[in-house]
Amino acid sequence: SINGDPKRAVAIYEGLMDEKDYKYSNKLRCEMGNVYLKEYDGESALKWFNDSIERHEDYANALGGAAIANVLLGHYEEAEKLYKLAIVHNIDNPVDFIKYYKGTVALQKDEFIKKL
């Protein structure tokens, strides 16, 4: 997000989406999803990643983001499916993605166990 201010980041990204000739418009929906992931808002993040997936914009990264969002929502089977698709579709920096995904799954499951 823009200097740690997610509301500002969302406003800027939404403004850029309105520009017809913005050079990186195919990455904006994925970036919006990332803003919400950083806020642990899996539901809002998933909305943006799914929109990006449907449009085939930044496809592999959107699949990866959707996998993480699904983990945050406790949808582990869907997350695992998307995780594998992200890797098959050549997500950027797969080594870090795999570590992040597995770490997020472990943290979420640990939090769930603590609540029992």
Protein backbone atom coordinates (compact mmCIF):
# COMPACT_ATOMS: atom_id res chain seq x y z
CA SER A 1 0.00 0.00 0.00
CA ILE A 2 1.04 3.61 -0.41
CA ASN A 3 3.29 4.32 2.59
CA GLY A 4 1.20 2.01 4.78
CA ASP A 5 -2.05 3.87 4.10
CA PRO A 6 -4.45 1.36 2.54
CA LYS A 7 -7.30 3.85 2.06
CA ARG A 8 -5.00 6.16 0.12
CA ALA A 9 -3.71 3.24 -1.96
CA VAL A 10 -7.26 2.15 -2.81
CA ALA A 11 -8.21 5.70 -3.82
CA ILE A 12 -5.14 6.03 -6.06
CA TYR A 13 -5.64 2.61 -7.69
CA GLU A 14 -9.33 3.28 -8.29
CA GLY A 15 -8.44 6.60 -9.90
CA LEU A 16 -5.91 4.89 -12.15
CA MET A 17 -8.49 2.28 -13.19
CA ASP A 18 -10.61 5.10 -14.57
CA GLU A 19 -7.79 6.22 -16.88
CA LYS A 20 -8.20 4.59 -20.29
CA ASP A 21 -4.56 4.54 -21.35
CA TYR A 22 -2.86 3.74 -18.03
CA LYS A 23 0.13 1.56 -18.92
CA TYR A 24 -0.25 -0.88 -16.00
CA SER A 25 -4.02 -1.11 -15.78
CA ASN A 26 -3.82 -4.89 -16.17
CA LYS A 27 -2.06 -5.07 -12.77
CA LEU A 28 -4.32 -2.77 -10.75
CA ARG A 29 -6.98 -5.26 -9.67
CA CYS A 30 -4.30 -7.58 -8.39
CA GLU A 31 -2.67 -4.69 -6.54
CA MET A 32 -6.03 -3.81 -4.98
CA GLY A 33 -6.29 -7.40 -3.78
CA ASN A 34 -2.81 -7.14 -2.28
CA VAL A 35 -3.79 -4.00 -0.36
CA TYR A 36 -6.65 -5.90 1.25
CA LEU A 37 -4.46 -8.95 1.95
CA LYS A 38 -2.10 -6.73 3.91
CA GLU A 39 -5.11 -5.66 5.97
CA TYR A 40 -6.10 -9.34 6.50
CA ASP A 41 -9.38 -8.64 4.71
CA GLY A 42 -9.67 -11.90 2.79
CA GLU A 43 -13.17 -11.19 1.53
CA SER A 44 -12.34 -7.85 -0.11
CA ALA A 45 -9.02 -9.20 -1.41
CA LEU A 46 -10.75 -12.20 -2.97
CA LYS A 47 -13.23 -9.94 -4.77
CA TRP A 48 -10.37 -8.10 -6.52
CA PHE A 49 -8.34 -11.22 -7.28
CA ASN A 50 -11.39 -12.98 -8.73
CA ASP A 51 -12.08 -9.93 -10.90
CA SER A 52 -8.48 -10.05 -12.13
CA ILE A 53 -8.72 -13.82 -12.76
CA GLU A 54 -11.94 -13.42 -14.76
CA ARG A 55 -10.27 -10.78 -16.93
CA HIS A 56 -7.03 -12.81 -17.21
CA GLU A 57 -5.12 -9.80 -15.88
CA ASP A 58 -1.86 -10.61 -14.10
CA TYR A 59 -3.33 -14.11 -14.05
CA ALA A 60 -0.76 -16.16 -12.13
CA ASN A 61 -0.34 -13.50 -9.44
CA ALA A 62 -4.11 -13.13 -9.14
CA LEU A 63 -4.40 -16.90 -8.65
CA GLY A 64 -1.75 -16.72 -5.93
CA GLY A 65 -3.46 -13.81 -4.22
CA ALA A 66 -6.79 -15.61 -4.36
CA ALA A 67 -5.13 -18.66 -2.78
CA ILE A 68 -3.89 -16.54 0.15
CA ALA A 69 -7.28 -14.80 0.51
CA ASN A 70 -9.00 -18.19 0.66
CA VAL A 71 -6.60 -19.28 3.41
CA LEU A 72 -7.55 -16.18 5.41
CA LEU A 73 -11.20 -17.13 4.96
CA GLY A 74 -10.56 -20.73 6.06
CA HIS A 75 -11.33 -22.18 2.60
CA TYR A 76 -8.32 -24.48 2.52
CA GLU A 77 -9.38 -26.80 -0.31
CA GLU A 78 -10.06 -23.90 -2.68
CA ALA A 79 -6.83 -22.24 -1.54
CA GLU A 80 -4.81 -25.36 -2.33
CA LYS A 81 -6.35 -25.60 -5.80
CA LEU A 82 -5.53 -21.95 -6.56
CA TYR A 83 -2.04 -22.29 -5.05
CA LYS A 84 -1.24 -25.12 -7.47
CA LEU A 85 -2.71 -23.21 -10.42
CA ALA A 86 -0.61 -20.15 -9.55
CA ILE A 87 2.55 -22.24 -9.68
CA VAL A 88 1.53 -23.97 -12.93
CA HIS A 89 0.88 -20.54 -14.49
CA ASN A 90 4.33 -19.26 -13.46
CA ILE A 91 3.59 -16.90 -10.59
CA ASP A 92 6.25 -14.22 -10.07
CA ASN A 93 8.90 -15.33 -7.56
CA PRO A 94 7.54 -18.85 -6.89
CA VAL A 95 10.01 -19.66 -4.10
CA ASP A 96 8.84 -16.73 -1.96
CA PHE A 97 5.21 -17.40 -2.86
CA ILE A 98 5.45 -21.02 -1.72
CA LYS A 99 7.04 -19.97 1.60
CA TYR A 100 4.43 -17.24 2.13
CA TYR A 101 1.51 -19.52 1.27
CA LYS A 102 2.69 -22.36 3.53
CA GLY A 103 3.44 -19.92 6.35
CA THR A 104 -0.01 -18.34 6.04
CA VAL A 105 -1.70 -21.76 6.10
CA ALA A 106 0.29 -22.75 9.20
CA LEU A 107 -0.55 -19.48 10.99
CA GLN A 108 -4.25 -19.70 10.15
CA LYS A 109 -4.50 -23.30 11.32
CA ASP A 110 -2.58 -22.45 14.49
CA GLU A 111 -4.98 -19.56 15.20
CA PHE A 112 -7.94 -21.88 14.63
CA ILE A 113 -6.55 -24.45 17.08
CA LYS A 114 -6.01 -21.74 19.71
CA LYS A 115 -9.70 -20.81 19.47
CA LEU A 116 -10.84 -24.38 20.25
